[in-house]
Structure formats: C-alpha cells, structure tokens
C-alpha cells in the first residue's frame, strides 16, 4: 500500500469517529485532540491495518503523516 492510501484511510477514520478533518502535517495536540481521541485513532489504525502500535511508538506520533509512516513501517 502506498503512503497516500494510508493517509486517506486515516483521514476518513478520523472524520468518521471524531467529526473533524486533518491534513498530513496537522498536529494532533494543536488540533485539540485529547488522549481519548488519540486512543481511538490508534485503535482504528490497528484494526484497519491489522497491526499493533506500541504505546511508546504511538506517543511519539503527533501528526497524521507521522502516523501514516508508522503504519507503513509496521506493514513492512
């Protein structure tokens, strides 16, 4: 899967679950997301892509683009 596809899937999931949109470079923290919002994004990515994102790994992620890169890394 290409990065663009991963970003689009993550964007759609965020829009559906949290009812707002993010671009690749938008910061989760600056967008007003709390820890529950971030948890929902993490769980959504894990379920959709059938991967496991470690807490320490996900804590380092602050943008949609960084999350897409982490997903791609897990997909190998």
PDB file of N, CA and C in Angstrom:
ATOM      1  N   UNK A   1       0.846  -1.173   0.000  1.00  0.00           N
ATOM      2  CA  UNK A   1       0.000   0.000   0.000  1.00  0.00           C
ATOM      3  C   UNK A   1       0.890   1.234   0.000  1.00  0.00           C
ATOM      4  N   UNK A   2       0.455   2.243  -0.714  1.00  0.00           N
ATOM      5  CA  UNK A   2       1.212   3.481  -0.799  1.00  0.00           C
ATOM      6  C   UNK A   2       0.822   4.439   0.321  1.00  0.00           C
ATOM      7  N   UNK A   3       1.708   5.366   0.608  1.00  0.00           N
ATOM      8  CA  UNK A   3       1.509   6.324   1.703  1.00  0.00           C
ATOM      9  C   UNK A   3       0.230   7.133   1.523  1.00  0.00           C
ATOM     10  N   UNK A   4      -0.047   7.574   0.294  1.00  0.00           N
ATOM     11  CA  UNK A   4      -1.252   8.360   0.025  1.00  0.00           C
ATOM     12  C   UNK A   4      -2.514   7.607   0.445  1.00  0.00           C
ATOM     13  N   UNK A   5      -2.532   6.314   0.149  1.00  0.00           N
ATOM     14  CA  UNK A   5      -3.683   5.489   0.506  1.00  0.00           C
ATOM     15  C   UNK A   5      -3.846   5.365   2.008  1.00  0.00           C
ATOM     16  N   UNK A   6      -2.729   5.201   2.708  1.00  0.00           N
ATOM     17  CA  UNK A   6      -2.773   5.102   4.165  1.00  0.00           C
ATOM     18  C   UNK A   6      -3.280   6.413   4.766  1.00  0.00           C
ATOM     19  N   UNK A   7      -2.768   7.529   4.267  1.00  0.00           N
ATOM     20  CA  UNK A   7      -3.204   8.841   4.767  1.00  0.00           C
ATOM     21  C   UNK A   7      -4.702   9.012   4.556  1.00  0.00           C
ATOM     22  N   UNK A   8      -5.185   8.668   3.382  1.00  0.00           N
ATOM     23  CA  UNK A   8      -6.618   8.824   3.077  1.00  0.00           C
ATOM     24  C   UNK A   8      -7.479   7.966   4.003  1.00  0.00           C
ATOM     25  N   UNK A   9      -7.073   6.748   4.239  1.00  0.00           N
ATOM     26  CA  UNK A   9      -7.823   5.858   5.139  1.00  0.00           C
ATOM     27  C   UNK A   9      -7.848   6.438   6.545  1.00  0.00           C
ATOM     28  N   UNK A  10      -6.698   6.917   7.020  1.00  0.00           N
ATOM     29  CA  UNK A  10      -6.635   7.505   8.361  1.00  0.00           C
ATOM     30  C   UNK A  10      -7.492   8.769   8.448  1.00  0.00           C
ATOM     31  N   UNK A  11      -7.449   9.595   7.420  1.00  0.00           N
ATOM     32  CA  UNK A  11      -8.269  10.808   7.401  1.00  0.00           C
ATOM     33  C   UNK A  11      -9.754  10.462   7.480  1.00  0.00           C
ATOM     34  N   UNK A  12     -10.181   9.500   6.703  1.00  0.00           N
ATOM     35  CA  UNK A  12     -11.588   9.094   6.704  1.00  0.00           C
ATOM     36  C   UNK A  12     -12.011   8.551   8.064  1.00  0.00           C
ATOM     37  N   UNK A  13     -11.134   7.777   8.699  1.00  0.00           N
ATOM     38  CA  UNK A  13     -11.436   7.226  10.020  1.00  0.00           C
ATOM     39  C   UNK A  13     -11.575   8.332  11.055  1.00  0.00           C
ATOM     40  N   UNK A  14     -10.680   9.307  11.003  1.00  0.00           N
ATOM     41  CA  UNK A  14     -10.733  10.428  11.946  1.00  0.00           C
ATOM     42  C   UNK A  14     -11.995  11.250  11.726  1.00  0.00           C
ATOM     43  N   UNK A  15     -12.318  11.510  10.473  1.00  0.00           N
ATOM     44  CA  UNK A  15     -13.535  12.274  10.169  1.00  0.00           C
ATOM     45  C   UNK A  15     -14.774  11.549  10.678  1.00  0.00           C
ATOM     46  N   UNK A  16     -14.804  10.234  10.484  1.00  0.00           N
ATOM     47  CA  UNK A  16     -15.965   9.447  10.906  1.00  0.00           C
ATOM     48  C   UNK A  16     -16.084   9.398  12.431  1.00  0.00           C
ATOM     49  N   UNK A  17     -14.977   9.126  13.114  1.00  0.00           N
ATOM     50  CA  UNK A  17     -15.018   8.946  14.567  1.00  0.00           C
ATOM     51  C   UNK A  17     -15.021  10.245  15.354  1.00  0.00           C
ATOM     52  N   UNK A  18     -14.270  11.234  14.875  1.00  0.00           N
ATOM     53  CA  UNK A  18     -14.087  12.456  15.658  1.00  0.00           C
ATOM     54  C   UNK A  18     -14.763  13.675  15.048  1.00  0.00           C
ATOM     55  N   UNK A  19     -15.296  13.520  13.859  1.00  0.00           N
ATOM     56  CA  UNK A  19     -16.056  14.562  13.194  1.00  0.00           C
ATOM     57  C   UNK A  19     -15.245  15.831  12.909  1.00  0.00           C
ATOM     58  N   UNK A  20     -13.986  15.674  12.577  1.00  0.00           N
ATOM     59  CA  UNK A  20     -13.211  16.784  12.029  1.00  0.00           C
ATOM     60  C   UNK A  20     -12.108  16.242  11.144  1.00  0.00           C
ATOM     61  N   UNK A  21     -11.570  17.110  10.288  1.00  0.00           N
ATOM     62  CA  UNK A  21     -10.580  16.644   9.329  1.00  0.00           C
ATOM     63  C   UNK A  21      -9.189  17.164   9.654  1.00  0.00           C
ATOM     64  N   UNK A  22      -8.225  16.365   9.285  1.00  0.00           N
ATOM     65  CA  UNK A  22      -6.826  16.694   9.485  1.00  0.00           C
ATOM     66  C   UNK A  22      -6.074  16.516   8.181  1.00  0.00           C
ATOM     67  N   UNK A  23      -5.076  17.343   7.980  1.00  0.00           N
ATOM     68  CA  UNK A  23      -4.150  17.176   6.875  1.00  0.00           C
ATOM     69  C   UNK A  23      -2.911  16.475   7.417  1.00  0.00           C
ATOM     70  N   UNK A  24      -2.033  16.042   6.523  1.00  0.00           N
ATOM     71  CA  UNK A  24      -0.853  15.278   6.930  1.00  0.00           C
ATOM     72  C   UNK A  24       0.007  15.970   7.972  1.00  0.00           C
ATOM     73  N   UNK A  25       0.143  17.271   7.869  1.00  0.00           N
ATOM     74  CA  UNK A  25       1.057  17.994   8.758  1.00  0.00           C
ATOM     75  C   UNK A  25       0.385  18.565   9.993  1.00  0.00           C
ATOM     76  N   UNK A  26      -0.921  18.375  10.135  1.00  0.00           N
ATOM     77  CA  UNK A  26      -1.638  18.904  11.301  1.00  0.00           C
ATOM     78  C   UNK A  26      -1.253  18.132  12.558  1.00  0.00           C
ATOM     79  N   UNK A  27      -0.955  18.868  13.609  1.00  0.00           N
ATOM     80  CA  UNK A  27      -0.594  18.271  14.892  1.00  0.00           C
ATOM     81  C   UNK A  27      -1.848  17.808  15.620  1.00  0.00           C
ATOM     82  N   UNK A  28      -1.795  16.589  16.170  1.00  0.00           N
ATOM     83  CA  UNK A  28      -2.920  16.096  16.961  1.00  0.00           C
ATOM     84  C   UNK A  28      -3.143  17.000  18.169  1.00  0.00           C
ATOM     85  N   UNK A  29      -2.067  17.354  18.845  1.00  0.00           N
ATOM     86  CA  UNK A  29      -2.175  18.172  20.053  1.00  0.00           C
ATOM     87  C   UNK A  29      -2.717  19.554  19.733  1.00  0.00           C
ATOM     88  N   UNK A  30      -2.181  20.188  18.704  1.00  0.00           N
ATOM     89  CA  UNK A  30      -2.620  21.529  18.338  1.00  0.00           C
ATOM     90  C   UNK A  30      -4.041  21.536  17.774  1.00  0.00           C
ATOM     91  N   UNK A  31      -4.502  20.394  17.313  1.00  0.00           N
ATOM     92  CA  UNK A  31      -5.865  20.288  16.784  1.00  0.00           C
ATOM     93  C   UNK A  31      -6.892  20.124  17.895  1.00  0.00           C
ATOM     94  N   UNK A  32      -6.413  20.026  19.138  1.00  0.00           N
ATOM     95  CA  UNK A  32      -7.322  19.917  20.267  1.00  0.00           C
ATOM     96  C   UNK A  32      -7.695  18.494  20.649  1.00  0.00           C
ATOM     97  N   UNK A  33      -6.984  17.529  20.120  1.00  0.00           N
ATOM     98  CA  UNK A  33      -7.288  16.140  20.467  1.00  0.00           C
ATOM     99  C   UNK A  33      -6.833  15.842  21.885  1.00  0.00           C
ATOM    100  N   UNK A  34      -7.676  15.117  22.596  1.00  0.00           N
ATOM    101  CA  UNK A  34      -7.276  14.676  23.930  1.00  0.00           C
ATOM    102  C   UNK A  34      -6.793  13.229  23.849  1.00  0.00           C
ATOM    103  N   UNK A  35      -6.451  12.670  24.979  1.00  0.00           N
ATOM    104  CA  UNK A  35      -5.885  11.315  24.982  1.00  0.00           C
ATOM    105  C   UNK A  35      -6.884  10.274  24.480  1.00  0.00           C
ATOM    106  N   UNK A  36      -8.172  10.467  24.739  1.00  0.00           N
ATOM    107  CA  UNK A  36      -9.180   9.524  24.243  1.00  0.00           C
ATOM    108  C   UNK A  36      -9.267   9.583  22.715  1.00  0.00           C
ATOM    109  N   UNK A  37      -9.231  10.777  22.157  1.00  0.00           N
ATOM    110  CA  UNK A  37      -9.243  10.923  20.698  1.00  0.00           C
ATOM    111  C   UNK A  37      -8.053  10.200  20.075  1.00  0.00           C
ATOM    112  N   UNK A  38      -6.889  10.407  20.662  1.00  0.00           N
ATOM    113  CA  UNK A  38      -5.678   9.767  20.149  1.00  0.00           C
ATOM    114  C   UNK A  38      -5.780   8.247  20.278  1.00  0.00           C
ATOM    115  N   UNK A  39      -6.348   7.769  21.371  1.00  0.00           N
ATOM    116  CA  UNK A  39      -6.537   6.335  21.574  1.00  0.00           C
ATOM    117  C   UNK A  39      -7.453   5.759  20.487  1.00  0.00           C
ATOM    118  N   UNK A  40      -8.530   6.460  20.178  1.00  0.00           N
ATOM    119  CA  UNK A  40      -9.460   5.997  19.147  1.00  0.00           C
ATOM    120  C   UNK A  40      -8.785   5.925  17.780  1.00  0.00           C
ATOM    121  N   UNK A  41      -7.930   6.891  17.496  1.00  0.00           N
ATOM    122  CA  UNK A  41      -7.195   6.883  16.231  1.00  0.00           C
ATOM    123  C   UNK A  41      -6.257   5.686  16.185  1.00  0.00           C
ATOM    124  N   UNK A  42      -5.567   5.434  17.271  1.00  0.00           N
ATOM    125  CA  UNK A  42      -4.628   4.313  17.355  1.00  0.00           C
ATOM    126  C   UNK A  42      -5.359   2.981  17.157  1.00  0.00           C
ATOM    127  N   UNK A  43      -6.447   2.800  17.878  1.00  0.00           N
ATOM    128  CA  UNK A  43      -7.224   1.557  17.772  1.00  0.00           C
ATOM    129  C   UNK A  43      -7.771   1.387  16.357  1.00  0.00           C
ATOM    130  N   UNK A  44      -8.255   2.465  15.774  1.00  0.00           N
ATOM    131  CA  UNK A  44      -8.778   2.401  14.416  1.00  0.00           C
ATOM    132  C   UNK A  44      -7.716   1.953  13.418  1.00  0.00           C
ATOM    133  N   UNK A  45      -6.509   2.509  13.547  1.00  0.00           N
ATOM    134  CA  UNK A  45      -5.412   2.130  12.647  1.00  0.00           C
ATOM    135  C   UNK A  45      -5.030   0.669  12.852  1.00  0.00           C
ATOM    136  N   UNK A  46      -4.963   0.253  14.108  1.00  0.00           N
ATOM    137  CA  UNK A  46      -4.612  -1.142  14.393  1.00  0.00           C
ATOM    138  C   UNK A  46      -5.625  -2.102  13.787  1.00  0.00           C
ATOM    139  N   UNK A  47      -6.888  -1.800  13.944  1.00  0.00           N
ATOM    140  CA  UNK A  47      -7.927  -2.695  13.420  1.00  0.00           C
ATOM    141  C   UNK A  47      -7.945  -2.723  11.897  1.00  0.00           C
ATOM    142  N   UNK A  48      -7.893  -1.548  11.293  1.00  0.00           N
ATOM    143  CA  UNK A  48      -7.991  -1.492   9.840  1.00  0.00           C
ATOM    144  C   UNK A  48      -6.809  -2.182   9.179  1.00  0.00           C
ATOM    145  N   UNK A  49      -5.607  -1.905   9.660  1.00  0.00           N
ATOM    146  CA  UNK A  49      -4.401  -2.421   9.018  1.00  0.00           C
ATOM    147  C   UNK A  49      -3.902  -3.728   9.628  1.00  0.00           C
ATOM    148  N   UNK A  50      -4.594  -4.221  10.663  1.00  0.00           N
ATOM    149  CA  UNK A  50      -4.224  -5.464  11.332  1.00  0.00           C
ATOM    150  C   UNK A  50      -2.766  -5.438  11.810  1.00  0.00           C
ATOM    151  N   UNK A  51      -2.461  -4.378  12.564  1.00  0.00           N
ATOM    152  CA  UNK A  51      -1.126  -4.184  13.128  1.00  0.00           C
ATOM    153  C   UNK A  51      -1.260  -3.878  14.618  1.00  0.00           C
ATOM    154  N   UNK A  52      -0.139  -3.862  15.313  1.00  0.00           N
ATOM    155  CA  UNK A  52      -0.111  -3.471  16.718  1.00  0.00           C
ATOM    156  C   UNK A  52       0.830  -2.279  16.844  1.00  0.00           C
ATOM    157  N   UNK A  53       0.313  -1.182  17.395  1.00  0.00           N
ATOM    158  CA  UNK A  53       1.123   0.010  17.628  1.00  0.00           C
ATOM    159  C   UNK A  53       1.424   0.079  19.121  1.00  0.00           C
ATOM    160  N   UNK A  54       2.681  -0.004  19.461  1.00  0.00           N
ATOM    161  CA  UNK A  54       3.076   0.071  20.858  1.00  0.00           C
ATOM    162  C   UNK A  54       2.803   1.452  21.440  1.00  0.00           C
ATOM    163  N   UNK A  55       2.517   1.495  22.724  1.00  0.00           N
ATOM    164  CA  UNK A  55       2.238   2.770  23.387  1.00  0.00           C
ATOM    165  C   UNK A  55       3.378   3.763  23.199  1.00  0.00           C
ATOM    166  N   UNK A  56       4.606   3.302  23.394  1.00  0.00           N
ATOM    167  CA  UNK A  56       5.769   4.185  23.278  1.00  0.00           C
ATOM    168  C   UNK A  56       5.913   4.712  21.848  1.00  0.00           C
ATOM    169  N   UNK A  57       5.636   3.858  20.869  1.00  0.00           N
ATOM    170  CA  UNK A  57       5.705   4.278  19.468  1.00  0.00           C
ATOM    171  C   UNK A  57       4.650   5.333  19.172  1.00  0.00           C
ATOM    172  N   UNK A  58       3.434   5.059  19.620  1.00  0.00           N
ATOM    173  CA  UNK A  58       2.340   5.963  19.295  1.00  0.00           C
ATOM    174  C   UNK A  58       2.470   7.292  20.030  1.00  0.00           C
ATOM    175  N   UNK A  59       3.055   7.293  21.203  1.00  0.00           N
ATOM    176  CA  UNK A  59       3.247   8.542  21.958  1.00  0.00           C
ATOM    177  C   UNK A  59       4.138   9.522  21.206  1.00  0.00           C
ATOM    178  N   UNK A  60       5.039   9.012  20.370  1.00  0.00           N
ATOM    179  CA  UNK A  60       5.951   9.864  19.601  1.00  0.00           C
ATOM    180  C   UNK A  60       5.277  10.490  18.387  1.00  0.00           C
ATOM    181  N   UNK A  61       4.132   9.966  18.000  1.00  0.00           N
ATOM    182  CA  UNK A  61       3.410  10.428  16.815  1.00  0.00           C
ATOM    183  C   UNK A  61       2.578  11.662  17.159  1.00  0.00           C
ATOM    184  N   UNK A  62       2.747  12.729  16.363  1.00  0.00           N
ATOM    185  CA  UNK A  62       1.951  13.937  16.616  1.00  0.00           C
ATOM    186  C   UNK A  62       1.253  14.472  15.372  1.00  0.00           C
ATOM    187  N   UNK A  63       1.482  13.863  14.222  1.00  0.00           N
ATOM    188  CA  UNK A  63       0.786  14.307  13.015  1.00  0.00           C
ATOM    189  C   UNK A  63       0.233  13.103  12.272  1.00  0.00           C
ATOM    190  N   UNK A  64      -0.693  13.377  11.406  1.00  0.00           N
ATOM    191  CA  UNK A  64      -1.275  12.317  10.591  1.00  0.00           C
ATOM    192  C   UNK A  64      -0.215  11.683   9.698  1.00  0.00           C
ATOM    193  N   UNK A  65       0.685  12.494   9.169  1.00  0.00           N
ATOM    194  CA  UNK A  65       1.760  11.979   8.339  1.00  0.00           C
ATOM    195  C   UNK A  65       2.684  11.044   9.106  1.00  0.00           C
ATOM    196  N   UNK A  66       3.002  11.404  10.349  1.00  0.00           N
ATOM    197  CA  UNK A  66       3.842  10.539  11.178  1.00  0.00           C
ATOM    198  C   UNK A  66       3.143   9.219  11.471  1.00  0.00           C
ATOM    199  N   UNK A  67       1.844   9.269  11.685  1.00  0.00           N
ATOM    200  CA  UNK A  67       1.086   8.039  11.913  1.00  0.00           C
ATOM    201  C   UNK A  67       1.093   7.177  10.659  1.00  0.00           C
ATOM    202  N   UNK A  68       0.921   7.793   9.500  1.00  0.00           N
ATOM    203  CA  UNK A  68       0.959   7.042   8.241  1.00  0.00           C
ATOM    204  C   UNK A  68       2.316   6.364   8.059  1.00  0.00           C
ATOM    205  N   UNK A  69       3.386   7.070   8.395  1.00  0.00           N
ATOM    206  CA  UNK A  69       4.733   6.485   8.292  1.00  0.00           C
ATOM    207  C   UNK A  69       4.891   5.293   9.239  1.00  0.00           C
ATOM    208  N   UNK A  70       4.356   5.419  10.453  1.00  0.00           N
ATOM    209  CA  UNK A  70       4.435   4.322  11.422  1.00  0.00           C
ATOM    210  C   UNK A  70       3.639   3.113  10.937  1.00  0.00           C
ATOM    211  N   UNK A  71       2.460   3.348  10.389  1.00  0.00           N
ATOM    212  CA  UNK A  71       1.650   2.255   9.841  1.00  0.00           C
ATOM    213  C   UNK A  71       2.410   1.549   8.723  1.00  0.00           C
ATOM    214  N   UNK A  72       2.982   2.324   7.821  1.00  0.00           N
ATOM    215  CA  UNK A  72       3.731   1.739   6.711  1.00  0.00           C
ATOM    216  C   UNK A  72       4.933   0.948   7.219  1.00  0.00           C
ATOM    217  N   UNK A  73       5.592   1.436   8.244  1.00  0.00           N
ATOM    218  CA  UNK A  73       6.720   0.729   8.832  1.00  0.00           C
ATOM    219  C   UNK A  73       6.255  -0.624   9.390  1.00  0.00           C
ATOM    220  N   UNK A  74       5.103  -0.636  10.051  1.00  0.00           N
ATOM    221  CA  UNK A  74       4.572  -1.881  10.617  1.00  0.00           C
ATOM    222  C   UNK A  74       4.142  -2.863   9.532  1.00  0.00           C
ATOM    223  N   UNK A  75       3.644  -2.326   8.438  1.00  0.00           N
ATOM    224  CA  UNK A  75       3.206  -3.183   7.337  1.00  0.00           C
ATOM    225  C   UNK A  75       4.390  -3.810   6.614  1.00  0.00           C
ATOM    226  N   UNK A  76       5.571  -3.202   6.810  1.00  0.00           N
ATOM    227  CA  UNK A  76       6.810  -3.741   6.233  1.00  0.00           C
ATOM    228  C   UNK A  76       6.933  -3.465   4.806  1.00  0.00           C
TER     229      UNK A  76
END
